[in-house]
Amino acid sequence: MKERVLVIGSAGQLGTELVTSLRDIYGESEVMASDIRNPENMNGPFTQLDILDKAAFGRLIQSFKPTQIYHLAALLSGTAEKNPKLGWTLNMDGLFHVLDAAKENDFIKKVYWPSSIAVFGSNTPRQNTPQNCVMDPNTIYGITKLAGERYCEYYFEKYGVDVRSLRYPGLIGYKSMPGGGTTDYAVSIYHEALKTGKYTCFLNEYTYLPMAYMPDALRATLELMHTDASNVKVRSSYNLAGISFSPKEITAAIQQTLPDFEISYEPDFRQAIADSWPQSIDDSVAMNDWGWNLEYDLNKMSVDMLDNLTQMYQTS
């Protein structure tokens, strides 16, 4: 069967790179990118879409007839705290529109929806956070992700929708700029290290958070979506551990290449968000179910980030 893939929220940090990977697999014409805004430098099929416009989404579904949907559109943690009602509406109604489309259209065979470590909260074990534990998020983003996980599992159990999900840690990549998340310092710091040699961090130096380098996050996403349905034993969302480090440690890694790089600290409201999240994640369930394994550590990631960003700035 020929695969046709729709990516919603394709202009974001994950979507930008995921579209490229999917087109390498399925062909450019078979992967439709969509976003509420027109992205710069986006090649291949693209349609402007507000996922909250259910009628427009329905027309797109019927005209393109995707076999797979990657639903990435969301308001991230820091941004959603500034506009809680929009965060709830976008994150939840958008997901319902996608799940309902999959329930009502037999040609949609699989749905991917990303969750986050933001589903965890102050009563969650912070070290090696297990797959199943207390989940009491205190941010709008985390609340919508937890609710979304429950609905994804519900639509699988009640309607047979083959929905798959990962709880992403912070994502670090060089192909797009940060989008308002609490972990985004770990992207901005590389840019500022090269542009100015200095960075002011909005978290304190000892704030440990799980992160994943984009090549690992992309590989995990595609491996989960391509594994046989019988291997997918978790229909809420799988833990994805990534690598855990602090701003102080990422600074030291950057200084291996740029010894004069300097950092200062001015924690803001995102510090409280970070303090409610796990410091490290146990993703052994993903390893056991579908063979997940991490490739990049902090030093390997830092070298690759700085190499690629240096090339990008030299050619821009």
C-alpha atoms as a PDB file:
ATOM      1  CA  MET A   1       0.000   0.000   0.000  1.00  0.00           C
ATOM      2  CA  LYS A   2       1.323   3.437  -0.928  1.00  0.00           C
ATOM      3  CA  GLU A   3       1.926   5.659   2.085  1.00  0.00           C
ATOM      4  CA  ARG A   4       0.833   9.298   2.174  1.00  0.00           C
ATOM      5  CA  VAL A   5       1.940  11.312   5.181  1.00  0.00           C
ATOM      6  CA  LEU A   6       0.512  14.532   6.624  1.00  0.00           C
ATOM      7  CA  VAL A   7       2.634  16.515   9.085  1.00  0.00           C
ATOM      8  CA  ILE A   8       0.708  19.117  11.115  1.00  0.00           C
ATOM      9  CA  GLY A   9       2.880  21.762  12.754  1.00  0.00           C
ATOM     10  CA  SER A  10       5.654  21.200  10.245  1.00  0.00           C
ATOM     11  CA  ALA A  11       7.364  24.566  10.776  1.00  0.00           C
ATOM     12  CA  GLY A  12       8.348  23.842  14.383  1.00  0.00           C
ATOM     13  CA  GLN A  13      11.620  22.509  15.740  1.00  0.00           C
ATOM     14  CA  LEU A  14      10.690  18.840  15.354  1.00  0.00           C
ATOM     15  CA  GLY A  15       8.486  19.212  12.284  1.00  0.00           C
ATOM     16  CA  THR A  16      11.148  20.968  10.217  1.00  0.00           C
ATOM     17  CA  GLU A  17      13.496  18.001  10.441  1.00  0.00           C
ATOM     18  CA  LEU A  18      10.831  15.299  10.495  1.00  0.00           C
ATOM     19  CA  VAL A  19       9.428  16.406   7.130  1.00  0.00           C
ATOM     20  CA  THR A  20      12.868  16.057   5.552  1.00  0.00           C
ATOM     21  CA  SER A  21      13.336  12.570   7.017  1.00  0.00           C
ATOM     22  CA  LEU A  22       9.874  11.424   5.938  1.00  0.00           C
ATOM     23  CA  ARG A  23      10.414  12.691   2.380  1.00  0.00           C
ATOM     24  CA  ASP A  24      13.670  10.759   2.225  1.00  0.00           C
ATOM     25  CA  ILE A  25      11.676   7.638   3.096  1.00  0.00           C
ATOM     26  CA  TYR A  26       8.418   8.086   1.159  1.00  0.00           C
ATOM     27  CA  GLY A  27       9.246  10.622  -1.536  1.00  0.00           C
ATOM     28  CA  GLU A  28       8.680  14.361  -1.608  1.00  0.00           C
ATOM     29  CA  SER A  29       5.255  14.268  -3.250  1.00  0.00           C
ATOM     30  CA  GLU A  30       3.859  11.818  -0.686  1.00  0.00           C
ATOM     31  CA  VAL A  31       4.566  13.984   2.379  1.00  0.00           C
ATOM     32  CA  MET A  32       2.340  17.036   2.886  1.00  0.00           C
ATOM     33  CA  ALA A  33       3.692  19.643   5.291  1.00  0.00           C
ATOM     34  CA  SER A  34       1.237  21.991   6.999  1.00  0.00           C
ATOM     35  CA  ASP A  35       1.409  24.770   9.538  1.00  0.00           C
ATOM     36  CA  ILE A  36      -0.528  27.845  10.615  1.00  0.00           C
ATOM     37  CA  ARG A  37       2.210  30.011   9.100  1.00  0.00           C
ATOM     38  CA  ASN A  38       4.107  29.771   5.849  1.00  0.00           C
ATOM     39  CA  PRO A  39       7.660  28.646   6.666  1.00  0.00           C
ATOM     40  CA  GLU A  40      10.780  29.989   5.042  1.00  0.00           C
ATOM     41  CA  ASN A  41      12.817  27.719   2.805  1.00  0.00           C
ATOM     42  CA  MET A  42      10.266  24.875   2.841  1.00  0.00           C
ATOM     43  CA  ASN A  43      10.499  22.793  -0.303  1.00  0.00           C
ATOM     44  CA  GLY A  44       7.914  20.292  -1.457  1.00  0.00           C
ATOM     45  CA  PRO A  45       4.142  20.142  -0.890  1.00  0.00           C
ATOM     46  CA  PHE A  46       2.877  22.566   1.751  1.00  0.00           C
ATOM     47  CA  THR A  47      -0.548  23.810   2.761  1.00  0.00           C
ATOM     48  CA  GLN A  48      -1.366  26.485   5.304  1.00  0.00           C
ATOM     49  CA  LEU A  49      -3.583  25.013   8.023  1.00  0.00           C
ATOM     50  CA  ASP A  50      -4.984  26.112  11.359  1.00  0.00           C
ATOM     51  CA  ILE A  51      -5.700  22.783  13.064  1.00  0.00           C
ATOM     52  CA  LEU A  52      -8.436  24.494  15.101  1.00  0.00           C
ATOM     53  CA  ASP A  53     -10.350  25.034  11.831  1.00  0.00           C
ATOM     54  CA  LYS A  54     -11.996  21.609  11.765  1.00  0.00           C
ATOM     55  CA  ALA A  55     -13.742  22.199   8.440  1.00  0.00           C
ATOM     56  CA  ALA A  56     -10.514  23.161   6.677  1.00  0.00           C
ATOM     57  CA  PHE A  57      -8.761  20.174   8.233  1.00  0.00           C
ATOM     58  CA  GLY A  58     -11.552  17.905   7.028  1.00  0.00           C
ATOM     59  CA  ARG A  59     -11.218  19.204   3.472  1.00  0.00           C
ATOM     60  CA  LEU A  60      -7.471  18.588   3.556  1.00  0.00           C
ATOM     61  CA  ILE A  61      -7.968  15.043   4.827  1.00  0.00           C
ATOM     62  CA  GLN A  62     -10.438  14.219   2.068  1.00  0.00           C
ATOM     63  CA  SER A  63      -8.326  15.728  -0.709  1.00  0.00           C
ATOM     64  CA  PHE A  64      -4.922  14.361   0.349  1.00  0.00           C
ATOM     65  CA  LYS A  65      -6.123  11.115   1.998  1.00  0.00           C
ATOM     66  CA  PRO A  66      -3.127  10.517   4.276  1.00  0.00           C
ATOM     67  CA  THR A  67      -2.370   7.039   5.561  1.00  0.00           C
ATOM     68  CA  GLN A  68      -0.305   8.512   8.401  1.00  0.00           C
ATOM     69  CA  ILE A  69      -0.669  11.742  10.378  1.00  0.00           C
ATOM     70  CA  TYR A  70       2.042  13.287  12.522  1.00  0.00           C
ATOM     71  CA  HIS A  71       0.272  15.850  14.713  1.00  0.00           C
ATOM     72  CA  LEU A  72       2.917  18.189  16.147  1.00  0.00           C
ATOM     73  CA  ALA A  73       1.046  21.498  16.491  1.00  0.00           C
ATOM     74  CA  ALA A  74       1.078  22.703  20.110  1.00  0.00           C
ATOM     75  CA  LEU A  75       1.744  25.659  22.372  1.00  0.00           C
ATOM     76  CA  LEU A  76       4.900  24.843  24.346  1.00  0.00           C
ATOM     77  CA  SER A  77       5.490  25.129  28.080  1.00  0.00           C
ATOM     78  CA  GLY A  78       6.741  28.685  28.545  1.00  0.00           C
ATOM     79  CA  THR A  79       4.416  30.135  25.905  1.00  0.00           C
ATOM     80  CA  ALA A  80       1.343  28.274  27.186  1.00  0.00           C
ATOM     81  CA  GLU A  81       1.870  29.640  30.709  1.00  0.00           C
ATOM     82  CA  LYS A  82       1.482  33.143  29.296  1.00  0.00           C
ATOM     83  CA  ASN A  83      -1.777  32.231  27.532  1.00  0.00           C
ATOM     84  CA  PRO A  84      -3.333  29.263  29.378  1.00  0.00           C
ATOM     85  CA  LYS A  85      -6.697  29.241  27.585  1.00  0.00           C
ATOM     86  CA  LEU A  86      -5.095  29.227  24.150  1.00  0.00           C
ATOM     87  CA  GLY A  87      -2.691  26.517  25.347  1.00  0.00           C
ATOM     88  CA  TRP A  88      -5.595  24.291  26.378  1.00  0.00           C
ATOM     89  CA  THR A  89      -7.658  24.991  23.258  1.00  0.00           C
ATOM     90  CA  LEU A  90      -4.864  24.446  20.741  1.00  0.00           C
ATOM     91  CA  ASN A  91      -3.332  21.426  22.427  1.00  0.00           C
ATOM     92  CA  MET A  92      -6.581  19.592  23.141  1.00  0.00           C
ATOM     93  CA  ASP A  93      -8.994  20.563  20.340  1.00  0.00           C
ATOM     94  CA  GLY A  94      -6.270  20.018  17.743  1.00  0.00           C
ATOM     95  CA  LEU A  95      -5.680  16.501  19.067  1.00  0.00           C
ATOM     96  CA  PHE A  96      -9.409  15.717  19.069  1.00  0.00           C
ATOM     97  CA  HIS A  97      -9.693  16.793  15.435  1.00  0.00           C
ATOM     98  CA  VAL A  98      -6.904  14.386  14.470  1.00  0.00           C
ATOM     99  CA  LEU A  99      -8.128  11.461  16.575  1.00  0.00           C
ATOM    100  CA  ASP A 100     -11.680  11.887  15.286  1.00  0.00           C
ATOM    101  CA  ALA A 101     -10.435  11.987  11.683  1.00  0.00           C
ATOM    102  CA  ALA A 102      -8.562   8.717  12.242  1.00  0.00           C
ATOM    103  CA  LYS A 103     -11.626   7.160  13.845  1.00  0.00           C
ATOM    104  CA  GLU A 104     -13.902   8.215  10.972  1.00  0.00           C
ATOM    105  CA  ASN A 105     -11.620   7.545   7.957  1.00  0.00           C
ATOM    106  CA  ASP A 106     -10.349   4.020   7.324  1.00  0.00           C
ATOM    107  CA  PHE A 107      -7.546   5.249   5.040  1.00  0.00           C
ATOM    108  CA  ILE A 108      -5.790   6.829   8.064  1.00  0.00           C
ATOM    109  CA  LYS A 109      -3.837   3.863   9.415  1.00  0.00           C
ATOM    110  CA  LYS A 110      -1.529   5.464  11.987  1.00  0.00           C
ATOM    111  CA  VAL A 111      -1.325   8.641  14.055  1.00  0.00           C
ATOM    112  CA  TYR A 112       1.734  10.056  15.813  1.00  0.00           C
ATOM    113  CA  TRP A 113       1.294  12.578  18.631  1.00  0.00           C
ATOM    114  CA  PRO A 114       4.145  13.780  20.858  1.00  0.00           C
ATOM    115  CA  SER A 115       3.866  13.909  24.618  1.00  0.00           C
ATOM    116  CA  SER A 116       6.492  15.327  26.961  1.00  0.00           C
ATOM    117  CA  ILE A 117       8.271  14.948  30.286  1.00  0.00           C
ATOM    118  CA  ALA A 118       6.015  17.866  31.277  1.00  0.00           C
ATOM    119  CA  VAL A 119       3.355  15.247  32.181  1.00  0.00           C
ATOM    120  CA  PHE A 120       5.329  14.599  35.369  1.00  0.00           C
ATOM    121  CA  GLY A 121       5.091  16.805  38.455  1.00  0.00           C
ATOM    122  CA  SER A 122       6.322  17.560  41.950  1.00  0.00           C
ATOM    123  CA  ASN A 123       5.322  14.150  43.349  1.00  0.00           C
ATOM    124  CA  THR A 124       6.916  12.202  40.510  1.00  0.00           C
ATOM    125  CA  PRO A 125      10.231  10.467  41.306  1.00  0.00           C
ATOM    126  CA  ARG A 126      12.812  12.871  39.861  1.00  0.00           C
ATOM    127  CA  GLN A 127      15.603  10.355  39.312  1.00  0.00           C
ATOM    128  CA  ASN A 128      15.157   7.596  36.718  1.00  0.00           C
ATOM    129  CA  THR A 129      11.477   8.463  36.431  1.00  0.00           C
ATOM    130  CA  PRO A 130       9.683   5.210  35.570  1.00  0.00           C
ATOM    131  CA  GLN A 131       7.212   4.616  32.758  1.00  0.00           C
ATOM    132  CA  ASN A 132       4.325   4.355  35.211  1.00  0.00           C
ATOM    133  CA  CYS A 133       4.276   6.607  38.270  1.00  0.00           C
ATOM    134  CA  VAL A 134       2.535   9.607  39.845  1.00  0.00           C
ATOM    135  CA  MET A 135       1.825  12.263  37.210  1.00  0.00           C
ATOM    136  CA  ASP A 136       0.686  15.597  38.617  1.00  0.00           C
ATOM    137  CA  PRO A 137       1.744  18.356  36.196  1.00  0.00           C
ATOM    138  CA  ASN A 138       1.297  21.964  37.295  1.00  0.00           C
ATOM    139  CA  THR A 139       1.651  23.685  33.910  1.00  0.00           C
ATOM    140  CA  ILE A 140      -0.976  24.053  31.205  1.00  0.00           C
ATOM    141  CA  TYR A 141       1.365  22.345  28.742  1.00  0.00           C
ATOM    142  CA  GLY A 142       1.874  19.387  31.059  1.00  0.00           C
ATOM    143  CA  ILE A 143      -1.831  19.145  31.878  1.00  0.00           C
ATOM    144  CA  THR A 144      -2.743  19.043  28.177  1.00  0.00           C
ATOM    145  CA  LYS A 145      -0.088  16.421  27.483  1.00  0.00           C
ATOM    146  CA  LEU A 146      -1.327  14.210  30.323  1.00  0.00           C
ATOM    147  CA  ALA A 147      -4.930  14.601  29.169  1.00  0.00           C
ATOM    148  CA  GLY A 148      -3.806  13.893  25.606  1.00  0.00           C
ATOM    149  CA  GLU A 149      -2.087  10.679  26.674  1.00  0.00           C
ATOM    150  CA  ARG A 150      -5.268   9.444  28.311  1.00  0.00           C
ATOM    151  CA  TYR A 151      -7.323  10.288  25.232  1.00  0.00           C
ATOM    152  CA  CYS A 152      -4.843   8.596  22.890  1.00  0.00           C
ATOM    153  CA  GLU A 153      -5.065   5.395  24.890  1.00  0.00           C
ATOM    154  CA  TYR A 154      -8.853   5.748  25.018  1.00  0.00           C
ATOM    155  CA  TYR A 155      -9.149   6.102  21.238  1.00  0.00           C
ATOM    156  CA  PHE A 156      -6.953   3.018  20.791  1.00  0.00           C
ATOM    157  CA  GLU A 157      -8.924   0.935  23.278  1.00  0.00           C
ATOM    158  CA  LYS A 158     -12.416   2.091  22.232  1.00  0.00           C
ATOM    159  CA  TYR A 159     -12.048   2.753  18.510  1.00  0.00           C
ATOM    160  CA  GLY A 160      -8.897   0.904  17.431  1.00  0.00           C
ATOM    161  CA  VAL A 161      -7.032   4.053  16.385  1.00  0.00           C
ATOM    162  CA  ASP A 162      -3.357   3.081  15.970  1.00  0.00           C
ATOM    163  CA  VAL A 163      -1.938   6.081  17.804  1.00  0.00           C
ATOM    164  CA  ARG A 164       1.702   6.126  18.953  1.00  0.00           C
ATOM    165  CA  SER A 165       3.546   8.586  21.152  1.00  0.00           C
ATOM    166  CA  LEU A 166       6.825   9.470  22.873  1.00  0.00           C
ATOM    167  CA  ARG A 167       7.346  11.566  25.989  1.00  0.00           C
ATOM    168  CA  TYR A 168      10.077  13.797  24.628  1.00  0.00           C
ATOM    169  CA  PRO A 169      12.658  15.352  26.883  1.00  0.00           C
ATOM    170  CA  GLY A 170      14.019  18.722  25.764  1.00  0.00           C
ATOM    171  CA  LEU A 171      14.922  18.625  22.071  1.00  0.00           C
ATOM    172  CA  ILE A 172      18.171  20.098  20.779  1.00  0.00           C
ATOM    173  CA  GLY A 173      18.808  20.730  17.087  1.00  0.00           C
ATOM    174  CA  TYR A 174      20.544  23.187  14.790  1.00  0.00           C
ATOM    175  CA  LYS A 175      18.055  23.439  11.919  1.00  0.00           C
ATOM    176  CA  SER A 176      15.425  25.608  13.637  1.00  0.00           C
ATOM    177  CA  MET A 177      15.301  28.193  16.391  1.00  0.00           C
ATOM    178  CA  PRO A 178      13.767  27.633  19.858  1.00  0.00           C
ATOM    179  CA  GLY A 179       9.991  27.926  20.173  1.00  0.00           C
ATOM    180  CA  GLY A 180       9.243  28.949  23.765  1.00  0.00           C
ATOM    181  CA  GLY A 181       9.991  25.825  25.775  1.00  0.00           C
ATOM    182  CA  THR A 182      11.616  25.549  29.193  1.00  0.00           C
ATOM    183  CA  THR A 183      14.438  23.392  27.806  1.00  0.00           C
ATOM    184  CA  ASP A 184      15.164  25.790  24.929  1.00  0.00           C
ATOM    185  CA  TYR A 185      18.189  27.251  26.709  1.00  0.00           C
ATOM    186  CA  ALA A 186      20.084  24.177  25.518  1.00  0.00           C
ATOM    187  CA  VAL A 187      19.540  25.299  21.912  1.00  0.00           C
ATOM    188  CA  SER A 188      20.037  29.048  22.398  1.00  0.00           C
ATOM    189  CA  ILE A 189      23.298  28.529  24.274  1.00  0.00           C
ATOM    190  CA  TYR A 190      25.033  27.103  21.195  1.00  0.00           C
ATOM    191  CA  HIS A 191      23.883  29.971  18.980  1.00  0.00           C
ATOM    192  CA  GLU A 192      25.045  32.598  21.460  1.00  0.00           C
ATOM    193  CA  ALA A 193      28.335  30.802  22.058  1.00  0.00           C
ATOM    194  CA  LEU A 194      29.162  31.253  18.378  1.00  0.00           C
ATOM    195  CA  LYS A 195      27.592  34.694  17.841  1.00  0.00           C
ATOM    196  CA  THR A 196      28.609  36.570  20.997  1.00  0.00           C
ATOM    197  CA  GLY A 197      30.715  34.228  23.132  1.00  0.00           C
ATOM    198  CA  LYS A 198      28.319  34.853  26.040  1.00  0.00           C
ATOM    199  CA  TYR A 199      24.958  33.537  27.208  1.00  0.00           C
ATOM    200  CA  THR A 200      22.567  34.499  30.005  1.00  0.00           C
ATOM    201  CA  CYS A 201      20.680  31.396  31.121  1.00  0.00           C
ATOM    202  CA  PHE A 202      17.103  31.554  32.447  1.00  0.00           C
ATOM    203  CA  LEU A 203      17.746  28.454  34.629  1.00  0.00           C
ATOM    204  CA  ASN A 204      20.281  28.125  37.423  1.00  0.00           C
ATOM    205  CA  GLU A 205      23.565  26.317  36.843  1.00  0.00           C
ATOM    206  CA  TYR A 206      22.590  23.108  38.672  1.00  0.00           C
ATOM    207  CA  THR A 207      19.235  22.504  36.965  1.00  0.00           C
ATOM    208  CA  TYR A 208      19.386  18.976  35.580  1.00  0.00           C
ATOM    209  CA  LEU A 209      16.903  18.126  32.844  1.00  0.00           C
ATOM    210  CA  PRO A 210      16.627  15.267  30.341  1.00  0.00           C
ATOM    211  CA  MET A 211      17.407  16.286  26.762  1.00  0.00           C
ATOM    212  CA  ALA A 212      17.657  14.519  23.407  1.00  0.00           C
ATOM    213  CA  TYR A 213      19.658  15.494  20.343  1.00  0.00           C
ATOM    214  CA  MET A 214      17.439  15.817  17.298  1.00  0.00           C
ATOM    215  CA  PRO A 215      18.960  12.887  15.340  1.00  0.00           C
ATOM    216  CA  ASP A 216      18.132  10.591  18.266  1.00  0.00           C
ATOM    217  CA  ALA A 217      14.637  12.055  18.672  1.00  0.00           C
ATOM    218  CA  LEU A 218      13.919  11.659  14.956  1.00  0.00           C
ATOM    219  CA  ARG A 219      15.221   8.117  14.914  1.00  0.00           C
ATOM    220  CA  ALA A 220      13.119   7.196  17.957  1.00  0.00           C
ATOM    221  CA  THR A 221      10.005   8.697  16.346  1.00  0.00           C
ATOM    222  CA  LEU A 222      10.467   6.860  13.062  1.00  0.00           C
ATOM    223  CA  GLU A 223      11.430   3.565  14.702  1.00  0.00           C
ATOM    224  CA  LEU A 224       8.278   3.688  16.837  1.00  0.00           C
ATOM    225  CA  MET A 225       6.085   4.495  13.839  1.00  0.00           C
ATOM    226  CA  HIS A 226       7.673   1.813  11.669  1.00  0.00           C
ATOM    227  CA  THR A 227       7.660  -1.027  14.180  1.00  0.00           C
ATOM    228  CA  ASP A 228       4.898  -3.611  13.952  1.00  0.00           C
ATOM    229  CA  ALA A 229       1.776  -2.691  15.923  1.00  0.00           C
ATOM    230  CA  SER A 230       2.228  -5.823  18.046  1.00  0.00           C
ATOM    231  CA  ASN A 231       5.420  -4.295  19.505  1.00  0.00           C
ATOM    232  CA  VAL A 232       3.627  -1.143  20.680  1.00  0.00           C
ATOM    233  CA  LYS A 233       2.495  -2.130  24.149  1.00  0.00           C
ATOM    234  CA  VAL A 234       2.092   1.429  25.503  1.00  0.00           C
ATOM    235  CA  ARG A 235      -0.674   3.482  23.901  1.00  0.00           C
ATOM    236  CA  SER A 236      -0.469   6.499  26.196  1.00  0.00           C
ATOM    237  CA  SER A 237       3.165   7.511  25.568  1.00  0.00           C
ATOM    238  CA  TYR A 238       6.623   5.966  25.929  1.00  0.00           C
ATOM    239  CA  ASN A 239       9.324   7.458  28.139  1.00  0.00           C
ATOM    240  CA  LEU A 240      12.324   8.674  26.133  1.00  0.00           C
ATOM    241  CA  ALA A 241      15.331   9.333  28.351  1.00  0.00           C
ATOM    242  CA  GLY A 242      17.864  11.172  26.231  1.00  0.00           C
ATOM    243  CA  ILE A 243      20.800  12.604  28.198  1.00  0.00           C
ATOM    244  CA  SER A 244      20.601  14.547  31.462  1.00  0.00           C
ATOM    245  CA  PHE A 245      22.848  17.528  32.144  1.00  0.00           C
ATOM    246  CA  SER A 246      22.871  20.977  33.782  1.00  0.00           C
ATOM    247  CA  PRO A 247      23.630  24.403  32.271  1.00  0.00           C
ATOM    248  CA  LYS A 248      27.011  24.209  34.007  1.00  0.00           C
ATOM    249  CA  GLU A 249      27.815  20.905  32.291  1.00  0.00           C
ATOM    250  CA  ILE A 250      26.705  21.981  28.807  1.00  0.00           C
ATOM    251  CA  THR A 251      28.848  25.106  29.267  1.00  0.00           C
ATOM    252  CA  ALA A 252      31.865  22.918  30.033  1.00  0.00           C
ATOM    253  CA  ALA A 253      31.162  20.833  26.936  1.00  0.00           C
ATOM    254  CA  ILE A 254      31.013  23.961  24.751  1.00  0.00           C
ATOM    255  CA  GLN A 255      34.219  25.273  26.319  1.00  0.00           C
ATOM    256  CA  GLN A 256      36.039  22.184  25.042  1.00  0.00           C
ATOM    257  CA  THR A 257      35.663  23.788  21.593  1.00  0.00           C
ATOM    258  CA  LEU A 258      35.258  27.462  22.568  1.00  0.00           C
ATOM    259  CA  PRO A 259      37.380  27.958  25.714  1.00  0.00           C
ATOM    260  CA  ASP A 260      36.531  31.670  26.040  1.00  0.00           C
ATOM    261  CA  PHE A 261      32.767  31.096  26.169  1.00  0.00           C
ATOM    262  CA  GLU A 262      31.142  32.687  29.252  1.00  0.00           C
ATOM    263  CA  ILE A 263      27.783  32.066  30.919  1.00  0.00           C
ATOM    264  CA  SER A 264      25.765  33.993  33.523  1.00  0.00           C
ATOM    265  CA  TYR A 265      22.516  33.068  35.253  1.00  0.00           C
ATOM    266  CA  GLU A 266      19.257  34.996  35.658  1.00  0.00           C
ATOM    267  CA  PRO A 267      16.547  32.428  36.498  1.00  0.00           C
ATOM    268  CA  ASP A 268      13.003  33.464  35.525  1.00  0.00           C
ATOM    269  CA  PHE A 269       9.537  31.845  35.783  1.00  0.00           C
ATOM    270  CA  ARG A 270      10.778  28.832  33.823  1.00  0.00           C
ATOM    271  CA  GLN A 271      12.948  27.805  36.786  1.00  0.00           C
ATOM    272  CA  ALA A 272       9.855  26.718  38.718  1.00  0.00           C
ATOM    273  CA  ILE A 273       8.669  24.724  35.712  1.00  0.00           C
ATOM    274  CA  ALA A 274      12.033  22.992  35.386  1.00  0.00           C
ATOM    275  CA  ASP A 275      12.100  22.233  39.120  1.00  0.00           C
ATOM    276  CA  SER A 276       8.816  20.318  38.774  1.00  0.00           C
ATOM    277  CA  TRP A 277      10.179  18.037  36.038  1.00  0.00           C
ATOM    278  CA  PRO A 278      12.322  14.899  36.298  1.00  0.00           C
ATOM    279  CA  GLN A 279      16.094  15.114  36.264  1.00  0.00           C
ATOM    280  CA  SER A 280      16.549  11.754  34.533  1.00  0.00           C
ATOM    281  CA  ILE A 281      14.229   9.270  32.812  1.00  0.00           C
ATOM    282  CA  ASP A 282      13.991   5.468  32.692  1.00  0.00           C
ATOM    283  CA  ASP A 283      13.164   4.441  29.110  1.00  0.00           C
ATOM    284  CA  SER A 284      13.754   0.693  29.518  1.00  0.00           C
ATOM    285  CA  VAL A 285      10.171  -0.071  28.441  1.00  0.00           C
ATOM    286  CA  ALA A 286      10.853   1.476  25.012  1.00  0.00           C
ATOM    287  CA  MET A 287      14.111  -0.481  24.827  1.00  0.00           C
ATOM    288  CA  ASN A 288      12.334  -3.751  25.598  1.00  0.00           C
ATOM    289  CA  ASP A 289       9.250  -3.210  23.410  1.00  0.00           C
ATOM    290  CA  TRP A 290      10.750  -1.920  20.162  1.00  0.00           C
ATOM    291  CA  GLY A 291      14.522  -1.874  20.608  1.00  0.00           C
ATOM    292  CA  TRP A 292      15.196   1.785  21.327  1.00  0.00           C
ATOM    293  CA  ASN A 293      18.803   2.837  22.054  1.00  0.00           C
ATOM    294  CA  LEU A 294      20.466   6.244  22.453  1.00  0.00           C
ATOM    295  CA  GLU A 295      23.413   7.248  20.231  1.00  0.00           C
ATOM    296  CA  TYR A 296      24.509  10.781  21.272  1.00  0.00           C
ATOM    297  CA  ASP A 297      26.027  11.791  24.607  1.00  0.00           C
ATOM    298  CA  LEU A 298      26.637  15.412  25.689  1.00  0.00           C
ATOM    299  CA  ASN A 299      30.127  15.771  24.217  1.00  0.00           C
ATOM    300  CA  LYS A 300      29.278  14.104  20.901  1.00  0.00           C
ATOM    301  CA  MET A 301      26.179  16.292  20.582  1.00  0.00           C
ATOM    302  CA  SER A 302      28.087  19.499  21.409  1.00  0.00           C
ATOM    303  CA  VAL A 303      30.762  18.867  18.790  1.00  0.00           C
ATOM    304  CA  ASP A 304      28.115  18.145  16.150  1.00  0.00           C
ATOM    305  CA  MET A 305      25.983  21.176  17.093  1.00  0.00           C
ATOM    306  CA  LEU A 306      28.921  23.588  16.964  1.00  0.00           C
ATOM    307  CA  ASP A 307      30.237  22.137  13.695  1.00  0.00           C
ATOM    308  CA  ASN A 308      26.876  22.458  11.960  1.00  0.00           C
ATOM    309  CA  LEU A 309      26.039  25.891  13.362  1.00  0.00           C
ATOM    310  CA  THR A 310      29.479  27.192  12.371  1.00  0.00           C
ATOM    311  CA  GLN A 311      28.854  26.077   8.797  1.00  0.00           C
ATOM    312  CA  MET A 312      25.365  27.587   8.862  1.00  0.00           C
ATOM    313  CA  TYR A 313      26.586  31.007  10.051  1.00  0.00           C
ATOM    314  CA  GLN A 314      29.449  31.021   7.553  1.00  0.00           C
ATOM    315  CA  THR A 315      27.078  30.445   4.620  1.00  0.00           C
ATOM    316  CA  SER A 316      24.238  32.734   5.747  1.00  0.00           C
END
